[in-house]
C-alpha atoms as a PDB file:
ATOM      1  CA  MET A   1      48.731  71.916 -86.546  1.00  0.00           C
ATOM      2  CA  GLU A   2      51.224  69.902 -84.835  1.00  0.00           C
ATOM      3  CA  SER A   3      49.383  69.233 -81.601  1.00  0.00           C
ATOM      4  CA  PHE A   4      46.020  68.156 -83.695  1.00  0.00           C
ATOM      5  CA  LEU A   5      49.149  65.904 -85.828  1.00  0.00           C
ATOM      6  CA  GLU A   6      50.092  64.521 -82.886  1.00  0.00           C
ATOM      7  CA  ILE A   7      46.331  63.920 -80.960  1.00  0.00           C
ATOM      8  CA  LEU A   8      45.710  61.820 -84.316  1.00  0.00           C
ATOM      9  CA  LYS A   9      49.075  59.699 -84.344  1.00  0.00           C
ATOM     10  CA  TYR A  10      47.749  58.459 -80.572  1.00  0.00           C
ATOM     11  CA  THR A  11      44.418  58.653 -81.371  1.00  0.00           C
ATOM     12  CA  ILE A  12      43.765  56.431 -84.724  1.00  0.00           C
ATOM     13  CA  PRO A  13      45.879  53.423 -83.567  1.00  0.00           C
ATOM     14  CA  ALA A  14      43.831  53.448 -80.481  1.00  0.00           C
ATOM     15  CA  LEU A  15      40.366  53.614 -82.305  1.00  0.00           C
ATOM     16  CA  ILE A  16      41.734  50.931 -84.354  1.00  0.00           C
ATOM     17  CA  VAL A  17      42.863  49.068 -81.433  1.00  0.00           C
ATOM     18  CA  PHE A  18      39.232  49.571 -79.250  1.00  0.00           C
ATOM     19  CA  LEU A  19      37.954  48.586 -82.918  1.00  0.00           C
ATOM     20  CA  THR A  20      39.197  45.138 -83.310  1.00  0.00           C
ATOM     21  CA  ALA A  21      38.655  44.416 -79.515  1.00  0.00           C
ATOM     22  CA  TYR A  22      35.160  45.053 -80.002  1.00  0.00           C
ATOM     23  CA  PHE A  23      34.631  42.971 -83.030  1.00  0.00           C
ATOM     24  CA  LEU A  24      36.523  39.924 -81.536  1.00  0.00           C
ATOM     25  CA  ILE A  25      34.921  39.938 -78.245  1.00  0.00           C
ATOM     26  CA  LYS A  26      31.413  40.317 -80.164  1.00  0.00           C
ATOM     27  CA  MET A  27      32.275  37.451 -82.415  1.00  0.00           C
ATOM     28  CA  HIS A  28      33.124  35.500 -79.299  1.00  0.00           C
ATOM     29  CA  LEU A  29      30.192  36.280 -77.924  1.00  0.00           C
ATOM     30  CA  GLU A  30      28.146  35.084 -80.436  1.00  0.00           C
ATOM     31  CA  GLU A  31      30.435  31.818 -81.004  1.00  0.00           C
ATOM     32  CA  GLN A  32      29.471  31.176 -76.961  1.00  0.00           C
ATOM     33  CA  GLN A  33      25.618  31.747 -77.504  1.00  0.00           C
ATOM     34  CA  GLN A  34      25.298  29.936 -79.981  1.00  0.00           C
ATOM     35  CA  THR A  35      27.069  26.969 -78.666  1.00  0.00           C
ATOM     36  CA  ARG A  36      24.731  27.660 -75.813  1.00  0.00           C
ATOM     37  CA  ILE A  37      21.536  26.926 -78.204  1.00  0.00           C
ATOM     38  CA  MET A  38      23.247  24.189 -79.872  1.00  0.00           C
ATOM     39  CA  ALA A  39      23.426  22.611 -76.310  1.00  0.00           C
ATOM     40  CA  PHE A  40      19.983  23.533 -75.262  1.00  0.00           C
ATOM     41  CA  GLN A  41      18.767  21.708 -78.308  1.00  0.00           C
ATOM     42  CA  ASN A  42      20.591  18.789 -77.883  1.00  0.00           C
ATOM     43  CA  GLU A  43      19.089  18.714 -74.243  1.00  0.00           C
ATOM     44  CA  GLN A  44      15.872  18.735 -76.034  1.00  0.00           C
ATOM     45  CA  ILE A  45      16.215  16.057 -78.268  1.00  0.00           C
ATOM     46  CA  ARG A  46      17.735  14.267 -75.996  1.00  0.00           C
ATOM     47  CA  LEU A  47      15.008  14.132 -73.453  1.00  0.00           C
ATOM     48  CA  THR A  48      12.086  14.102 -76.061  1.00  0.00           C
ATOM     49  CA  ILE A  49      12.886  11.292 -78.373  1.00  0.00           C
ATOM     50  CA  PRO A  50      12.419   8.211 -75.637  1.00  0.00           C
ATOM     51  CA  VAL A  51       9.320  10.056 -75.061  1.00  0.00           C
ATOM     52  CA  LYS A  52       8.315   9.871 -78.484  1.00  0.00           C
ATOM     53  CA  MET A  53       9.250   6.869 -79.397  1.00  0.00           C
ATOM     54  CA  GLN A  54       7.024   5.445 -76.457  1.00  0.00           C
ATOM     55  CA  ALA A  55       4.099   6.970 -77.820  1.00  0.00           C
ATOM     56  CA  TYR A  56       4.928   5.218 -81.508  1.00  0.00           C
ATOM     57  CA  GLU A  57       5.384   1.778 -79.068  1.00  0.00           C
ATOM     58  CA  ARG A  58       2.035   2.397 -77.575  1.00  0.00           C
ATOM     59  CA  LEU A  59       0.440   3.405 -80.898  1.00  0.00           C
ATOM     60  CA  ALA A  60       1.585   0.392 -82.792  1.00  0.00           C
ATOM     61  CA  ILE A  61       0.563  -2.129 -79.768  1.00  0.00           C
ATOM     62  CA  MET A  62      -2.765  -0.533 -80.053  1.00  0.00           C
ATOM     63  CA  ILE A  63      -2.854  -1.193 -83.668  1.00  0.00           C
ATOM     64  CA  ASP A  64      -2.180  -4.708 -82.715  1.00  0.00           C
ATOM     65  CA  ARG A  65      -4.665  -4.694 -79.923  1.00  0.00           C
ATOM     66  CA  ILE A  66      -7.559  -3.653 -82.110  1.00  0.00           C
ATOM     67  CA  GLY A  67      -6.935  -6.578 -84.711  1.00  0.00           C
ATOM     68  CA  ILE A  68      -9.626  -8.950 -85.332  1.00  0.00           C
ATOM     69  CA  PRO A  69      -8.401 -12.431 -84.415  1.00  0.00           C
ATOM     70  CA  GLY A  70      -6.935 -10.773 -81.248  1.00  0.00           C
ATOM     71  CA  MET A  71      -9.845  -9.047 -79.894  1.00  0.00           C
ATOM     72  CA  ILE A  72     -12.082 -12.101 -80.840  1.00  0.00           C
ATOM     73  CA  SER A  73      -9.518 -14.565 -78.691  1.00  0.00           C
ATOM     74  CA  ARG A  74      -8.994 -11.952 -75.695  1.00  0.00           C
ATOM     75  CA  LEU A  75     -12.953 -10.962 -75.453  1.00  0.00           C
ATOM     76  CA  ARG A  76     -15.251 -13.904 -77.157  1.00  0.00           C
ATOM     77  CA  THR A  77     -17.310 -16.013 -74.841  1.00  0.00           C
ATOM     78  CA  PRO A  78     -19.296 -19.318 -76.263  1.00  0.00           C
ATOM     79  CA  GLU A  79     -22.551 -17.818 -74.698  1.00  0.00           C
ATOM     80  CA  MET A  80     -22.265 -14.523 -76.318  1.00  0.00           C
ATOM     81  CA  SER A  81     -24.900 -13.514 -78.722  1.00  0.00           C
ATOM     82  CA  VAL A  82     -24.034 -11.425 -81.861  1.00  0.00           C
ATOM     83  CA  GLY A  83     -24.943  -8.288 -80.345  1.00  0.00           C
ATOM     84  CA  GLU A  84     -22.879  -8.830 -77.345  1.00  0.00           C
ATOM     85  CA  LEU A  85     -20.041  -9.920 -79.070  1.00  0.00           C
ATOM     86  CA  GLN A  86     -20.620  -7.185 -81.426  1.00  0.00           C
ATOM     87  CA  LEU A  87     -20.772  -4.338 -78.907  1.00  0.00           C
ATOM     88  CA  THR A  88     -17.810  -5.937 -76.902  1.00  0.00           C
ATOM     89  CA  LEU A  89     -15.953  -5.617 -79.944  1.00  0.00           C
ATOM     90  CA  MET A  90     -16.651  -2.283 -80.460  1.00  0.00           C
ATOM     91  CA  MET A  91     -16.111  -0.660 -77.286  1.00  0.00           C
ATOM     92  CA  CYS A  92     -12.730  -2.270 -77.120  1.00  0.00           C
ATOM     93  CA  VAL A  93     -11.654  -0.764 -80.050  1.00  0.00           C
ATOM     94  CA  GLN A  94     -13.185   2.554 -78.578  1.00  0.00           C
ATOM     95  CA  GLN A  95     -11.306   2.178 -75.248  1.00  0.00           C
ATOM     96  CA  GLU A  96      -8.192   1.240 -76.933  1.00  0.00           C
ATOM     97  CA  PHE A  97      -7.842   4.153 -78.850  1.00  0.00           C
ATOM     98  CA  ASP A  98      -9.461   6.393 -75.649  1.00  0.00           C
ATOM     99  CA  TYR A  99      -6.700   5.091 -73.592  1.00  0.00           C
ATOM    100  CA  ASN A 100      -3.786   6.412 -76.288  1.00  0.00           C
ATOM    101  CA  ALA A 101      -5.764   9.351 -77.550  1.00  0.00           C
ATOM    102  CA  GLY A 102      -3.213  11.799 -75.513  1.00  0.00           C
ATOM    103  CA  GLN A 103      -0.050  10.120 -77.773  1.00  0.00           C
ATOM    104  CA  GLN A 104      -1.424  12.655 -80.525  1.00  0.00           C
ATOM    105  CA  ILE A 105       0.872  15.349 -79.112  1.00  0.00           C
ATOM    106  CA  TYR A 106       3.747  13.231 -79.640  1.00  0.00           C
ATOM    107  CA  VAL A 107       3.444  12.036 -82.866  1.00  0.00           C
ATOM    108  CA  SER A 108       2.458  14.294 -86.117  1.00  0.00           C
ATOM    109  CA  ASP A 109      -0.996  14.745 -87.282  1.00  0.00           C
ATOM    110  CA  THR A 110      -0.922  12.459 -90.429  1.00  0.00           C
ATOM    111  CA  ILE A 111      -0.067   9.522 -88.118  1.00  0.00           C
ATOM    112  CA  TRP A 112      -2.798  10.917 -86.104  1.00  0.00           C
ATOM    113  CA  LYS A 113      -5.261  10.650 -89.149  1.00  0.00           C
ATOM    114  CA  ILE A 114      -3.975   7.506 -90.239  1.00  0.00           C
ATOM    115  CA  ILE A 115      -4.790   5.590 -86.936  1.00  0.00           C
ATOM    116  CA  GLN A 116      -7.843   7.484 -86.220  1.00  0.00           C
ATOM    117  CA  SER A 117      -8.965   6.043 -89.568  1.00  0.00           C
ATOM    118  CA  ALA A 118      -7.499   2.587 -88.745  1.00  0.00           C
ATOM    119  CA  LYS A 119      -9.768   2.572 -85.959  1.00  0.00           C
ATOM    120  CA  GLU A 120     -12.840   4.207 -87.805  1.00  0.00           C
ATOM    121  CA  GLY A 121     -12.369   0.996 -90.384  1.00  0.00           C
ATOM    122  CA  THR A 122     -11.874  -1.233 -87.478  1.00  0.00           C
ATOM    123  CA  LEU A 123     -15.476  -0.340 -86.280  1.00  0.00           C
ATOM    124  CA  ALA A 124     -17.649  -0.022 -89.647  1.00  0.00           C
ATOM    125  CA  LEU A 125     -16.119  -3.468 -89.844  1.00  0.00           C
ATOM    126  CA  ILE A 126     -17.582  -4.696 -86.676  1.00  0.00           C
ATOM    127  CA  ASP A 127     -20.638  -2.900 -87.462  1.00  0.00           C
ATOM    128  CA  ARG A 128     -21.417  -3.896 -91.272  1.00  0.00           C
ATOM    129  CA  ALA A 129     -20.564  -7.495 -89.836  1.00  0.00           C
ATOM    130  CA  GLY A 130     -23.182  -7.702 -87.524  1.00  0.00           C
ATOM    131  CA  ASP A 131     -25.633  -5.838 -89.259  1.00  0.00           C
ATOM    132  CA  GLN A 132     -25.877  -8.827 -91.782  1.00  0.00           C
ATOM    133  CA  LEU A 133     -26.893 -11.070 -88.535  1.00  0.00           C
ATOM    134  CA  ASN A 134     -29.393 -11.290 -86.494  1.00  0.00           C
ATOM    135  CA  GLN A 135     -28.613  -9.650 -82.825  1.00  0.00           C
ATOM    136  CA  SER A 136     -29.406 -13.066 -81.077  1.00  0.00           C
ATOM    137  CA  ASP A 137     -27.676 -15.108 -83.205  1.00  0.00           C
ATOM    138  CA  PRO A 138     -24.834 -17.297 -81.403  1.00  0.00           C
ATOM    139  CA  GLY A 139     -21.768 -14.896 -81.619  1.00  0.00           C
ATOM    140  CA  GLU A 140     -19.635 -17.674 -83.854  1.00  0.00           C
ATOM    141  CA  LYS A 141     -21.589 -16.310 -86.142  1.00  0.00           C
ATOM    142  CA  LEU A 142     -20.307 -12.633 -86.155  1.00  0.00           C
ATOM    143  CA  VAL A 143     -16.979 -14.653 -85.645  1.00  0.00           C
ATOM    144  CA  GLY A 144     -17.077 -16.212 -88.797  1.00  0.00           C
ATOM    145  CA  ILE A 145     -17.887 -13.092 -90.983  1.00  0.00           C
ATOM    146  CA  LEU A 146     -15.084 -11.141 -88.997  1.00  0.00           C
ATOM    147  CA  ILE A 147     -12.897 -13.599 -89.892  1.00  0.00           C
ATOM    148  CA  ALA A 148     -13.553 -13.750 -93.539  1.00  0.00           C
ATOM    149  CA  LEU A 149     -13.649  -9.755 -93.748  1.00  0.00           C
ATOM    150  CA  ASN A 150     -10.490  -9.515 -91.531  1.00  0.00           C
ATOM    151  CA  GLU A 151      -8.002  -9.447 -94.432  1.00  0.00           C
ATOM    152  CA  GLN A 152      -9.285  -5.780 -95.572  1.00  0.00           C
ATOM    153  CA  GLN A 153      -8.649  -5.065 -91.419  1.00  0.00           C
ATOM    154  CA  SER A 154      -5.751  -6.530 -91.766  1.00  0.00           C
ATOM    155  CA  ALA A 155      -4.596  -4.334 -94.128  1.00  0.00           C
ATOM    156  CA  LEU A 156      -5.195  -1.198 -92.862  1.00  0.00           C
ATOM    157  CA  CYS A 157      -3.448  -2.100 -89.522  1.00  0.00           C
ATOM    158  CA  GLY A 158      -0.705  -3.055 -91.655  1.00  0.00           C
ATOM    159  CA  LYS A 159      -0.339  -0.037 -93.495  1.00  0.00           C
ATOM    160  CA  THR A 160      -1.144   2.072 -90.071  1.00  0.00           C
ATOM    161  CA  LEU A 161       1.932   0.399 -88.411  1.00  0.00           C
ATOM    162  CA  GLN A 162       4.105   0.866 -91.672  1.00  0.00           C
ATOM    163  CA  ALA A 163       3.253   4.237 -91.096  1.00  0.00           C
ATOM    164  CA  ILE A 164       4.059   4.534 -87.911  1.00  0.00           C
ATOM    165  CA  ARG A 165       7.299   2.774 -88.290  1.00  0.00           C
ATOM    166  CA  THR A 166       8.323   4.982 -91.220  1.00  0.00           C
ATOM    167  CA  GLU A 167       7.788   8.097 -88.712  1.00  0.00           C
ATOM    168  CA  ALA A 168       9.534   6.693 -85.907  1.00  0.00           C
ATOM    169  CA  ALA A 169      12.491   5.919 -87.982  1.00  0.00           C
ATOM    170  CA  SER A 170      12.599   9.825 -89.211  1.00  0.00           C
ATOM    171  CA  ILE A 171      12.949  10.607 -85.444  1.00  0.00           C
ATOM    172  CA  PHE A 172      16.684   9.316 -86.500  1.00  0.00           C
END
Protein backbone atom coordinates (compact mmCIF):
# COMPACT_ATOMS: atom_id res chain seq x y z
CA MET A 1 0.00 0.00 0.00
CA GLU A 2 2.83 2.31 0.83
CA SER A 3 4.35 1.81 -2.63
CA PHE A 4 1.00 2.64 -4.19
CA LEU A 5 0.88 5.96 -2.31
CA GLU A 6 4.47 6.62 -3.33
CA ILE A 7 3.51 6.10 -7.00
CA LEU A 8 0.48 8.42 -6.64
CA LYS A 9 2.69 11.05 -5.04
CA TYR A 10 4.72 11.26 -8.27
CA THR A 11 1.99 10.47 -10.77
CA ILE A 12 -0.63 13.06 -9.74
CA PRO A 13 1.70 16.11 -9.96
CA ALA A 14 3.13 14.79 -13.23
CA LEU A 15 -0.39 14.37 -14.59
CA ILE A 16 -1.33 17.90 -13.50
CA VAL A 17 1.80 19.32 -15.16
CA PHE A 18 1.09 17.31 -18.35
CA LEU A 19 -2.53 18.47 -18.57
CA THR A 20 -1.55 22.08 -17.91
CA ALA A 21 1.13 21.96 -20.61
CA TYR A 22 -1.27 20.21 -23.01
CA PHE A 23 -3.98 22.84 -22.63
CA LEU A 24 -1.54 25.76 -22.80
CA ILE A 25 0.04 24.40 -25.98
CA LYS A 26 -3.40 23.70 -27.46
CA MET A 27 -4.56 27.26 -26.72
CA HIS A 28 -1.37 28.68 -28.21
CA LEU A 29 -1.73 26.64 -31.41
CA GLU A 30 -5.39 27.64 -31.78
CA GLU A 31 -4.44 31.28 -31.31
CA GLN A 32 -1.74 30.98 -33.98
CA GLN A 33 -4.24 29.34 -36.34
CA GLN A 34 -6.71 32.18 -35.78
CA THR A 35 -3.95 34.71 -36.45
CA ARG A 36 -3.06 32.99 -39.72
CA ILE A 37 -6.70 32.87 -40.78
CA MET A 38 -7.14 36.58 -40.03
CA ALA A 39 -3.94 37.42 -41.92
CA PHE A 40 -5.16 35.42 -44.91
CA GLN A 41 -8.57 37.12 -44.83
CA ASN A 42 -6.95 40.55 -44.59
CA GLU A 43 -4.74 39.75 -47.56
CA GLN A 44 -7.76 38.59 -49.56
CA ILE A 45 -9.61 41.80 -48.73
CA ARG A 46 -6.55 43.88 -49.61
CA LEU A 47 -6.39 42.21 -53.01
CA THR A 48 -10.11 42.18 -53.86
CA ILE A 49 -11.14 45.71 -52.83
CA PRO A 50 -9.26 47.43 -55.69
CA VAL A 51 -10.77 45.01 -58.21
CA LYS A 52 -14.26 45.56 -56.84
CA MET A 53 -13.82 49.33 -56.85
CA GLN A 54 -12.63 49.17 -60.46
CA ALA A 55 -15.78 47.20 -61.31
CA TYR A 56 -17.97 49.85 -59.69
CA GLU A 57 -16.09 52.56 -61.60
CA ARG A 58 -16.53 50.78 -64.91
CA LEU A 59 -20.23 50.23 -64.31
CA ALA A 60 -20.70 53.88 -63.36
CA ILE A 61 -18.93 54.91 -66.57
CA MET A 62 -21.14 52.52 -68.54
CA ILE A 63 -24.28 54.10 -67.05
CA ASP A 64 -22.95 57.53 -67.94
CA ARG A 65 -22.09 56.42 -71.49
CA ILE A 66 -25.61 55.06 -72.14
CA GLY A 67 -27.13 58.39 -71.19
CA ILE A 68 -29.20 59.75 -74.09
CA PRO A 69 -27.53 63.19 -74.45
CA GLY A 70 -24.03 61.72 -74.38
CA MET A 71 -24.83 59.02 -76.92
CA ILE A 72 -26.50 61.49 -79.25
CA SER A 73 -23.54 63.85 -79.16
CA ARG A 74 -21.07 60.98 -79.77
CA LEU A 75 -22.97 59.03 -82.42
CA ARG A 76 -25.24 61.36 -84.39
CA THR A 77 -24.34 62.65 -87.80
CA PRO A 78 -26.55 65.13 -89.71
CA GLU A 79 -27.34 62.73 -92.57
CA MET A 80 -28.66 59.91 -90.35
CA SER A 81 -32.28 58.83 -90.69
CA VAL A 82 -34.48 57.93 -87.72
CA GLY A 83 -33.93 54.21 -88.38
CA GLU A 84 -30.17 54.55 -88.65
CA LEU A 85 -29.89 56.67 -85.52
CA GLN A 86 -32.21 54.41 -83.58
CA LEU A 87 -30.24 51.31 -84.57
CA THR A 88 -26.91 53.03 -83.80
CA LEU A 89 -28.10 54.13 -80.36
CA MET A 90 -29.48 50.69 -79.52
CA MET A 91 -26.28 48.99 -80.68
CA CYS A 92 -24.22 51.40 -78.57
CA VAL A 93 -26.23 50.59 -75.44
CA GLN A 94 -25.94 46.85 -76.06
CA GLN A 95 -22.19 47.08 -76.80
CA GLU A 96 -21.54 49.07 -73.63
CA PHE A 97 -23.46 46.49 -71.63
CA ASP A 98 -21.73 43.54 -73.29
CA TYR A 99 -18.32 45.13 -72.77
CA ASN A 100 -18.97 45.45 -69.04
CA ALA A 101 -20.88 42.20 -68.48
CA GLY A 102 -17.89 40.59 -66.79
CA GLN A 103 -18.10 43.10 -63.94
CA GLN A 104 -21.17 41.32 -62.60
CA ILE A 105 -18.97 38.85 -60.71
CA TYR A 106 -17.66 41.69 -58.53
CA VAL A 107 -20.98 43.31 -57.62
CA SER A 108 -24.10 42.08 -55.86
CA ASP A 109 -27.00 40.53 -57.73
CA THR A 110 -29.15 43.48 -56.73
CA ILE A 111 -26.81 46.00 -58.36
CA TRP A 112 -26.50 43.86 -61.47
CA LYS A 113 -30.31 43.66 -61.80
CA ILE A 114 -30.55 47.45 -61.39
CA ILE A 115 -27.94 47.89 -64.13
CA GLN A 116 -29.83 45.50 -66.39
CA SER A 117 -33.00 47.48 -65.73
CA ALA A 118 -31.22 50.71 -66.70
CA LYS A 119 -30.04 49.13 -69.93
CA GLU A 120 -33.49 47.71 -70.73
CA GLY A 121 -35.14 51.02 -69.85
CA THR A 122 -32.80 52.92 -72.16
CA LEU A 123 -33.39 50.46 -75.00
CA ALA A 124 -37.16 50.65 -74.46
CA LEU A 125 -37.05 54.46 -74.48
CA ILE A 126 -35.10 54.52 -77.77
CA ASP A 127 -37.44 51.94 -79.27
CA ARG A 128 -40.57 53.81 -78.14
CA ALA A 129 -39.25 57.11 -79.51
CA GLY A 130 -38.37 55.49 -82.85
CA ASP A 131 -41.80 53.86 -83.13
CA GLN A 132 -43.42 57.31 -83.10
CA LEU A 133 -41.68 58.29 -86.34
CA ASN A 134 -41.21 57.06 -89.86
CA GLN A 135 -37.88 55.23 -90.15
CA SER A 136 -36.84 57.34 -93.15
CA ASP A 137 -37.44 60.69 -91.42
CA PRO A 138 -34.37 62.79 -90.58
CA GLY A 139 -32.64 61.73 -87.37
CA GLU A 140 -33.19 65.19 -85.87
CA LYS A 141 -36.82 64.25 -85.22
CA LEU A 142 -35.72 61.27 -83.14
CA VAL A 143 -33.25 63.49 -81.30
CA GLY A 144 -36.06 65.90 -80.41
CA ILE A 145 -38.26 63.12 -79.02
CA LEU A 146 -35.38 61.52 -77.11
CA ILE A 147 -34.40 64.82 -75.55
CA ALA A 148 -38.04 65.34 -74.50
CA LEU A 149 -38.10 61.84 -72.95
CA ASN A 150 -34.63 62.19 -71.46
CA GLU A 151 -35.92 63.08 -68.00
CA GLN A 152 -37.22 59.52 -67.55
CA GLN A 153 -33.92 58.00 -68.56
CA SER A 154 -31.91 60.49 -66.49
CA ALA A 155 -33.92 59.56 -63.40
CA LEU A 156 -33.34 55.86 -64.06
CA CYS A 157 -29.61 56.39 -64.58
CA GLY A 158 -29.44 58.62 -61.50
CA LYS A 159 -31.02 55.92 -59.33
CA THR A 160 -28.66 53.33 -60.80
CA LEU A 161 -25.60 55.48 -60.10
CA GLN A 162 -26.82 56.11 -56.55
CA ALA A 163 -27.20 52.35 -55.99
CA ILE A 164 -23.68 51.76 -57.32
CA ARG A 165 -22.27 54.48 -55.04
CA THR A 166 -24.11 53.11 -52.01
CA GLU A 167 -22.84 49.58 -52.53
CA ALA A 168 -19.30 50.76 -53.27
CA ALA A 169 -19.33 52.81 -50.07
CA SER A 170 -20.48 49.79 -48.06
CA ILE A 171 -17.19 48.02 -48.83
CA PHE A 172 -15.43 50.33 -46.41
